Protein backbone atom coordinates (compact mmCIF):
# COMPACT_ATOMS: atom_id res chain seq x y z
CA MET A 1 111.40 -70.55 56.36
CA SER A 2 111.52 -70.47 52.61
CA TRP A 3 110.62 -67.84 50.37
CA LEU A 4 109.59 -67.26 46.72
CA THR A 5 110.06 -64.61 44.28
CA ALA A 6 106.86 -62.97 43.10
CA GLN A 7 107.38 -64.84 39.65
CA VAL A 8 107.69 -67.86 40.83
CA ALA A 9 104.82 -67.45 43.64
CA ALA A 10 102.71 -66.42 40.95
CA ALA A 11 103.76 -69.27 38.37
CA ARG A 12 103.19 -71.86 41.26
CA LEU A 13 99.45 -70.44 41.47
CA GLY A 14 98.78 -70.06 38.04
CA VAL A 15 97.68 -66.06 38.25
CA LYS A 16 98.90 -62.47 37.69
CA PRO A 17 101.04 -60.55 39.83
CA GLN A 18 98.08 -58.20 40.43
CA THR A 19 96.20 -61.45 42.13
CA LEU A 20 99.18 -62.20 44.19
CA TYR A 21 99.39 -58.98 45.38
CA ALA A 22 95.76 -59.33 46.02
CA TYR A 23 96.15 -62.57 48.06
CA VAL A 24 98.61 -60.78 50.37
CA SER A 25 96.21 -57.72 51.05
CA ARG A 26 93.95 -60.51 52.05
CA GLY A 27 96.34 -62.24 54.53
CA HIS A 28 96.32 -65.57 52.86
CA ILE A 29 100.27 -65.15 51.70
CA THR A 30 102.80 -63.70 54.10
CA ALA A 31 105.35 -61.22 52.26
CA ARG A 32 108.32 -59.47 53.38
CA PRO A 33 111.20 -57.39 51.39
CA ALA A 34 114.12 -58.82 49.80
CA ASP A 35 117.18 -58.80 51.50
CA ASP A 36 119.12 -57.22 48.61
CA ASP A 37 116.49 -55.43 47.42
CA PRO A 38 114.02 -53.80 49.44
CA ARG A 39 111.94 -52.62 46.75
CA GLN A 40 111.50 -56.25 45.54
CA SER A 41 109.22 -58.65 47.98
CA LEU A 42 109.36 -62.51 49.00
CA TYR A 43 106.69 -64.54 49.39
CA ALA A 44 106.28 -67.29 52.18
CA ALA A 45 106.37 -70.69 50.37
CA ALA A 46 104.28 -72.44 52.95
CA ASP A 47 101.34 -70.17 52.28
CA VAL A 48 101.98 -70.61 48.31
CA VAL A 49 101.89 -74.42 48.85
CA ALA A 50 98.61 -73.96 51.20
CA LEU A 51 96.81 -71.68 48.75
CA GLU A 52 97.80 -73.97 45.86
CA ARG A 53 96.31 -76.83 47.49
CA ARG A 54 93.08 -75.32 48.49
CA ARG A 55 92.37 -73.99 45.16
CA ARG A 56 93.07 -77.88 43.47
CA ASP A 57 91.12 -79.43 46.33
CA GLY A 58 87.99 -77.21 45.06
CA ARG A 59 85.01 -76.98 47.36
CA GLY A 60 83.60 -80.39 47.81
CA ARG A 61 82.02 -81.37 50.97
CA LYS A 62 84.84 -83.62 51.97
CA SER A 63 87.64 -81.47 51.18
CA VAL A 64 85.99 -78.62 52.94
CA ALA A 65 85.11 -80.85 55.94
CA ALA A 66 88.82 -81.88 55.82
CA ARG A 67 90.51 -78.53 55.73
CA THR A 68 88.25 -77.05 58.27
CA ILE A 69 89.92 -79.63 60.84
CA ALA A 70 93.62 -79.01 59.42
CA TRP A 71 96.36 -76.80 61.02
CA GLY A 72 96.13 -73.27 59.71
CA ASP A 73 92.71 -73.09 58.29
CA PRO A 74 89.90 -71.33 60.38
CA VAL A 75 87.46 -73.29 61.93
CA LEU A 76 84.85 -70.48 63.53
CA GLU A 77 84.75 -66.80 63.45
CA SER A 78 85.76 -64.65 66.15
CA ALA A 79 86.25 -61.04 67.17
CA ILE A 80 88.95 -61.81 69.76
CA THR A 81 92.39 -62.13 68.39
CA THR A 82 93.96 -62.10 65.10
CA VAL A 83 97.55 -62.61 63.58
CA ARG A 84 97.93 -60.07 60.88
CA GLU A 85 101.41 -59.52 59.19
CA GLY A 86 103.22 -60.63 61.88
CA ARG A 87 101.50 -59.06 64.73
CA LEU A 88 99.40 -60.69 67.50
CA ILE A 89 96.25 -58.64 67.80
CA TYR A 90 93.88 -58.64 70.97
CA ARG A 91 90.73 -57.12 69.96
CA GLY A 92 92.22 -54.26 67.97
CA VAL A 93 95.09 -53.70 70.13
CA ASP A 94 98.74 -54.94 69.69
CA ALA A 95 99.65 -57.44 72.12
CA VAL A 96 103.06 -56.74 72.54
CA THR A 97 102.23 -52.95 73.22
CA LEU A 98 99.65 -54.08 75.99
CA ALA A 99 102.22 -56.15 77.57
CA ALA A 100 104.25 -53.67 78.34
CA THR A 101 102.30 -52.39 80.91
CA ALA A 102 99.11 -54.42 81.38
CA ALA A 103 98.57 -57.06 84.16
CA LEU A 104 97.03 -60.12 82.76
CA GLU A 105 93.58 -59.26 84.41
CA GLU A 106 93.42 -55.97 82.27
CA ALA A 107 94.07 -58.05 79.01
CA ALA A 108 91.50 -60.57 80.51
CA ARG A 109 88.87 -57.69 80.70
CA LEU A 110 89.97 -56.63 76.97
CA LEU A 111 89.57 -59.87 75.66
CA ILE A 112 86.35 -60.87 77.21
CA GLY A 113 84.56 -57.82 75.95
CA HIS A 114 81.94 -57.38 78.43
CA GLU A 115 81.88 -55.09 81.87
CA PRO A 116 81.89 -57.96 84.15
CA ASP A 117 79.26 -57.96 87.19
CA THR A 118 80.91 -57.71 90.61
CA PRO A 119 83.13 -61.00 90.89
CA ARG A 120 82.36 -63.37 93.87
CA ALA A 121 85.86 -63.73 94.91
CA ARG A 122 85.44 -66.86 96.93
CA HIS A 123 88.85 -68.14 97.01
CA THR A 124 90.68 -70.69 99.22
CA ALA A 125 94.26 -72.68 98.75
CA THR A 126 94.14 -75.90 96.98
CA LYS A 127 95.92 -78.80 97.72
CA GLY A 128 98.71 -80.31 95.15
CA ASP A 129 102.36 -80.88 95.33
CA THR A 130 102.92 -78.54 92.33
CA ALA A 131 101.53 -75.39 91.31
CA LYS A 132 100.46 -77.34 87.78
CA ALA A 133 98.72 -79.80 90.07
CA ARG A 134 96.82 -77.57 92.11
CA GLY A 135 95.65 -75.73 89.09
CA TYR A 136 93.85 -78.96 87.94
CA ALA A 137 92.39 -79.47 90.98
CA PHE A 138 90.94 -76.14 91.30
CA LEU A 139 89.50 -75.77 87.85
CA ALA A 140 88.11 -79.18 88.35
CA ALA A 141 86.15 -78.54 91.76
CA ARG A 142 84.80 -75.18 90.20
CA ALA A 143 83.61 -77.24 87.13
CA ALA A 144 81.98 -79.55 89.23
CA VAL A 145 79.85 -77.16 91.25
CA ASP A 146 79.41 -73.77 89.14
CA ALA A 147 76.40 -73.33 87.25
CA PRO A 148 76.13 -74.11 83.07
CA SER A 149 76.62 -71.24 81.24
CA LEU A 150 73.67 -71.68 79.21
CA GLY A 151 71.17 -68.97 79.43
CA ARG A 152 73.19 -66.45 81.49
CA ARG A 153 74.13 -62.85 80.52
CA PRO A 154 77.86 -62.18 79.20
CA GLU A 155 78.40 -59.79 82.24
CA GLN A 156 77.91 -62.55 84.45
CA LEU A 157 79.83 -65.08 82.56
CA ALA A 158 82.52 -62.28 82.58
CA ALA A 159 82.64 -61.86 86.28
CA GLU A 160 82.86 -65.56 87.04
CA ALA A 161 85.80 -65.45 84.13
CA LEU A 162 87.74 -63.05 86.03
CA ASP A 163 86.75 -64.95 89.61
CA LEU A 164 88.31 -67.94 87.87
CA ILE A 165 91.63 -65.93 86.95
CA GLY A 166 91.72 -64.58 90.65
CA GLY A 167 91.17 -68.20 91.95
CA LEU A 168 93.63 -69.70 89.89
CA GLY A 169 96.22 -67.53 91.29
CA VAL A 170 95.51 -68.27 94.79
CA ALA A 171 95.63 -72.10 93.80
CA PHE A 172 98.80 -72.00 91.82
CA ALA A 173 100.54 -70.14 95.13
CA GLY A 174 98.86 -72.56 97.69
CA VAL A 175 98.06 -69.82 99.90
CA ASN A 176 95.04 -67.61 100.21
CA THR A 177 96.26 -63.94 99.60
CA THR A 178 93.46 -61.66 98.99
CA ASN A 179 93.76 -58.77 96.49
CA ALA A 180 96.67 -60.03 94.49
CA LEU A 181 97.33 -60.17 90.76
CA LEU A 182 98.11 -63.59 89.04
CA HIS A 183 101.62 -62.14 88.56
CA GLU A 184 101.94 -61.46 92.02
CA HIS A 185 100.95 -64.50 93.40
CA LEU A 186 103.53 -66.37 90.90
CA ALA A 187 105.98 -63.69 92.08
CA ARG A 188 105.31 -65.22 95.87
CA LEU A 189 105.33 -68.46 94.74
CA TRP A 190 108.57 -68.29 92.96
CA LYS A 191 110.18 -65.66 95.57
CA LEU A 192 110.99 -63.30 92.38
CA ASP A 193 112.32 -59.74 92.77
CA ALA A 194 110.68 -56.67 91.37
CA ARG A 195 112.25 -57.33 87.97
CA GLY A 196 111.13 -61.19 87.94
CA GLY A 197 107.86 -60.22 88.96
CA ASP A 198 107.50 -57.81 85.77
CA LEU A 199 109.06 -60.19 83.48
CA VAL A 200 106.10 -63.07 84.57
CA ARG A 201 103.22 -60.42 84.22
CA ARG A 202 104.72 -59.24 80.71
CA ALA A 203 105.06 -63.20 79.79
CA LEU A 204 101.20 -63.70 81.10
CA VAL A 205 99.91 -61.03 78.74
CA LEU A 206 101.83 -62.25 75.76
CA VAL A 207 100.29 -65.68 75.97
CA ALA A 208 96.95 -64.63 76.83
CA ASP A 209 95.29 -65.61 73.80
CA HIS A 210 96.47 -67.04 70.51
CA GLU A 211 93.40 -67.45 68.02
CA LEU A 212 92.03 -71.22 67.88
CA ASN A 213 94.86 -73.36 68.70
CA PRO A 214 94.02 -76.56 70.14
CA SER A 215 93.55 -75.59 73.67
CA THR A 216 91.33 -72.88 73.02
CA PHE A 217 89.12 -75.00 70.45
CA ALA A 218 88.58 -77.39 73.16
CA ALA A 219 87.46 -74.56 75.56
CA ARG A 220 85.11 -73.53 73.13
CA VAL A 221 83.50 -77.26 72.58
CA ALA A 222 82.92 -77.36 76.05
CA ALA A 223 81.29 -73.85 76.22
CA SER A 224 79.05 -74.83 73.19
CA THR A 225 77.39 -77.59 74.96
CA GLY A 226 76.51 -74.95 77.74
CA ALA A 227 79.13 -76.07 80.29
CA PRO A 228 80.32 -73.81 82.99
CA VAL A 229 83.27 -71.66 82.26
CA ALA A 230 84.98 -73.39 84.55
CA ALA A 231 84.72 -76.53 82.79
CA ALA A 232 85.49 -74.78 79.14
CA ALA A 233 88.73 -73.63 80.96
CA LEU A 234 89.87 -77.03 82.54
CA ALA A 235 89.48 -78.62 78.79
CA GLY A 236 91.81 -76.20 77.68
CA TYR A 237 94.02 -76.35 80.67
CA ALA A 238 93.94 -80.41 79.81
CA THR A 239 94.61 -80.03 76.23
CA LEU A 240 97.53 -77.78 77.27
CA SER A 241 99.20 -80.42 78.90
CA GLY A 242 100.28 -82.50 75.63
CA PRO A 243 103.58 -82.30 74.42
CA LEU A 244 102.72 -80.96 71.11
CA HIS A 245 101.06 -77.42 72.64
CA GLY A 246 101.74 -75.94 76.21
CA GLU A 247 104.78 -78.41 77.14
CA ALA A 248 106.68 -77.70 74.38
CA SER A 249 108.92 -75.60 76.52
CA ALA A 250 110.09 -78.78 78.23
CA ARG A 251 112.01 -79.68 74.86
CA ALA A 252 113.35 -76.34 74.75
CA LEU A 253 114.05 -76.23 78.65
CA LEU A 254 116.29 -79.57 78.09
CA PHE A 255 117.64 -77.90 75.15
CA LEU A 256 119.08 -74.95 76.58
CA GLU A 257 120.22 -76.94 79.99
CA THR A 258 122.03 -79.16 77.80
CA ALA A 259 123.69 -76.25 75.68
CA LEU A 260 124.69 -74.43 79.33
CA ARG A 261 126.19 -77.66 80.05
CA ASP A 262 127.92 -78.56 77.26
CA GLY A 263 128.13 -75.73 74.88
CA ALA A 264 125.46 -74.31 72.53
CA GLU A 265 127.33 -76.29 69.39
CA ALA A 266 127.17 -79.28 71.11
CA ALA A 267 123.73 -79.20 72.10
CA VAL A 268 122.71 -78.30 68.68
CA ASN A 269 124.85 -81.36 66.90
CA ALA A 270 123.48 -83.47 69.76
CA THR A 271 119.84 -82.79 68.58
CA LEU A 272 120.55 -83.01 64.73
CA ALA A 273 122.27 -86.10 65.49
CA ARG A 274 119.26 -87.70 66.76
CA ALA A 275 117.07 -86.80 63.33
CA GLU A 276 115.18 -84.39 65.99
CA ARG A 277 114.23 -80.90 65.27
CA LEU A 278 115.63 -77.99 66.95
CA PRO A 279 112.77 -77.42 69.86
CA ALA A 280 110.80 -74.04 69.93
CA ILE A 281 112.39 -72.86 66.63
CA GLY A 282 109.92 -71.12 63.75
CA HIS A 283 106.32 -70.80 63.87
CA ALA A 284 103.85 -71.24 61.06
CA LEU A 285 101.84 -67.74 61.69
CA TYR A 286 105.05 -66.09 62.24
CA PRO A 287 107.11 -66.54 59.08
CA VAL A 288 109.44 -63.67 60.21
CA GLY A 289 109.64 -64.16 63.88
CA ASP A 290 107.44 -64.55 66.81
CA PRO A 291 106.60 -61.18 68.17
CA ARG A 292 105.63 -62.32 71.40
CA ALA A 293 109.38 -64.39 72.04
CA ALA A 294 110.95 -60.97 70.50
CA SER A 295 109.15 -58.91 72.91
CA LEU A 296 109.99 -61.31 75.93
CA LEU A 297 113.54 -61.98 75.24
CA LYS A 298 114.43 -58.28 75.00
CA ALA A 299 112.86 -57.22 78.23
CA LEU A 300 114.60 -60.44 79.53
CA LYS A 301 118.26 -59.60 78.24
CA PRO A 302 119.27 -63.49 79.06
CA SER A 303 122.86 -64.26 80.06
CA ARG A 304 125.60 -64.32 77.37
CA HIS A 305 125.28 -68.05 77.31
CA LEU A 306 121.62 -68.65 77.39
CA LYS A 307 121.91 -65.70 74.28
CA HIS A 308 124.57 -67.84 72.45
CA ALA A 309 122.40 -70.98 72.89
CA ILE A 310 119.51 -69.33 71.44
CA ASP A 311 121.50 -67.87 68.39
CA ALA A 312 123.14 -71.28 67.84
CA ALA A 313 119.79 -72.90 67.16
CA GLN A 314 118.50 -69.93 65.02
CA ALA A 315 121.67 -70.06 62.92
CA ALA A 316 121.46 -73.86 62.25
CA SER A 317 117.73 -73.82 61.45
CA GLY A 318 117.57 -70.53 59.43
CA ASP A 319 114.46 -69.71 61.56
CA HIS A 320 113.59 -67.55 64.62
CA ALA A 321 112.90 -68.70 68.46
CA ASN A 322 109.62 -68.52 69.27
CA ILE A 323 107.51 -67.92 72.48
CA ASP A 324 108.30 -71.77 73.97
CA MET A 325 111.74 -70.94 73.86
CA ALA A 326 111.40 -67.47 75.42
CA LEU A 327 109.69 -69.17 78.37
CA ALA A 328 112.41 -71.58 78.65
CA ALA A 329 115.35 -69.08 78.91
CA LEU A 330 112.79 -67.23 81.18
CA THR A 331 112.73 -70.10 83.85
CA LEU A 332 116.32 -70.54 83.45
CA ASP A 333 117.48 -66.77 84.00
CA LEU A 334 114.75 -66.67 87.04
CA GLY A 335 115.82 -70.36 88.47
CA LEU A 336 112.21 -70.96 88.37
CA PRO A 337 110.75 -74.71 88.90
CA CYS A 338 110.51 -76.61 85.59
CA ASP A 339 106.63 -76.66 85.58
CA ALA A 340 107.04 -72.85 85.30
CA PRO A 341 106.46 -72.53 81.41
CA PHE A 342 103.32 -74.72 81.88
CA VAL A 343 102.15 -72.60 84.78
CA ILE A 344 102.66 -69.19 82.87
CA PHE A 345 101.22 -70.23 79.55
CA ALA A 346 98.15 -71.82 81.47
CA GLY A 347 97.74 -68.68 83.77
CA GLY A 348 98.03 -66.47 80.92
CA ARG A 349 96.02 -68.49 78.73
CA MET A 350 92.95 -68.33 81.09
CA ALA A 351 91.92 -65.23 79.93
CA GLY A 352 91.49 -66.37 76.15
CA TRP A 353 89.69 -69.59 77.15
CA CYS A 354 87.37 -67.68 79.23
CA ALA A 355 86.82 -64.94 76.34
CA HIS A 356 86.36 -67.65 73.80
CA ALA A 357 84.06 -69.69 75.93
CA ILE A 358 81.92 -66.45 76.32
CA GLU A 359 82.03 -65.88 72.61
CA GLN A 360 80.79 -69.16 71.83
CA ARG A 361 77.90 -69.05 74.06
CA GLU A 362 77.14 -65.94 72.65
CA THR A 363 76.79 -67.84 68.98
CA GLY A 364 74.02 -70.45 70.65
CA ARG A 365 75.57 -73.34 68.59
CA VAL A 366 76.61 -76.51 69.54
CA ILE A 367 80.06 -77.33 67.80
CA ARG A 368 79.73 -81.02 66.42
CA PRO A 369 81.78 -81.83 63.46
CA ARG A 370 80.61 -84.90 61.06
CA ALA A 371 83.08 -87.81 60.69
CA SER A 372 84.01 -88.58 57.26
CA TYR A 373 83.85 -92.39 57.75
CA THR A 374 86.80 -94.78 56.38
CA GLY A 375 85.85 -98.06 57.89
CA ASP A 376 84.59 -101.25 56.85
């Protein structure tokens, strides 16, 4: 992550220092204290460039339409989650603080924001060779039979959302164990002790939501049509499976496995020699480090060799490990199957997908962007 002094940032934008400070206070530009003088601030170069581009583009219809689909720019208003000053906030509650003690089901209730009617709790075991496959099968089956979300009370949809989270836990585990929380289902599936189960619990809460990421946007699009909550969650689940989203931990897992086998420096050098970026390092929303990764790695206390591998990647890149690296480290430390990062990510993000689906239905609007035609 590159940083600029106040003088350079203000000059790039063509504004006075007071205006630059106003951009920081409004959340447009991230700032941090300078290493050699804490009284001075440095400003994220990426934020300055993005703001400079927006000011240059102006407010023309085409430029506005293009920007609303671009990474980092808001598409929809939401009261569920925000990232502010390096912190992840769930409806006014710091996600890292919440993850210290809460189960995912508690985080889901917070994110949804409506007191649910009595859940149905009609779960049966789902067939499939892996937990990931069973999750797909469960959500697809429910999407095929559940009632549309259109015209139903938020409290009904909240109950359905919690029921879906419970059912997904049963599906992941492959056995019908009643009255268990999602992390307990996964702990039983992976034969974890109390420490391992608590680490999975923490991870689920940390990934429960993250603003309008691709899978959440997909869930909101589905919900905007009045589709069942399960269908919205299935849209999110499918989108999460892409290697540039929820499967990003797979590359981090491969990097860490190589580092444990060949040494951290060899793994770093091999990655760079292939002209590839070091995996799971840096995050556009967290210029000074992903708090989710920091929280999970602190609780995990990874082995010396794992820590050395992560430190080597951070040193080579000059940036911080993100949540995908932390999930990969958790997988290796606990001896989990290779699909565990996806299962944890999808299981936790169910809370956010359902919350956003319900919020979208409350707007009463269909998400239907226009295309800017570039053909013949």
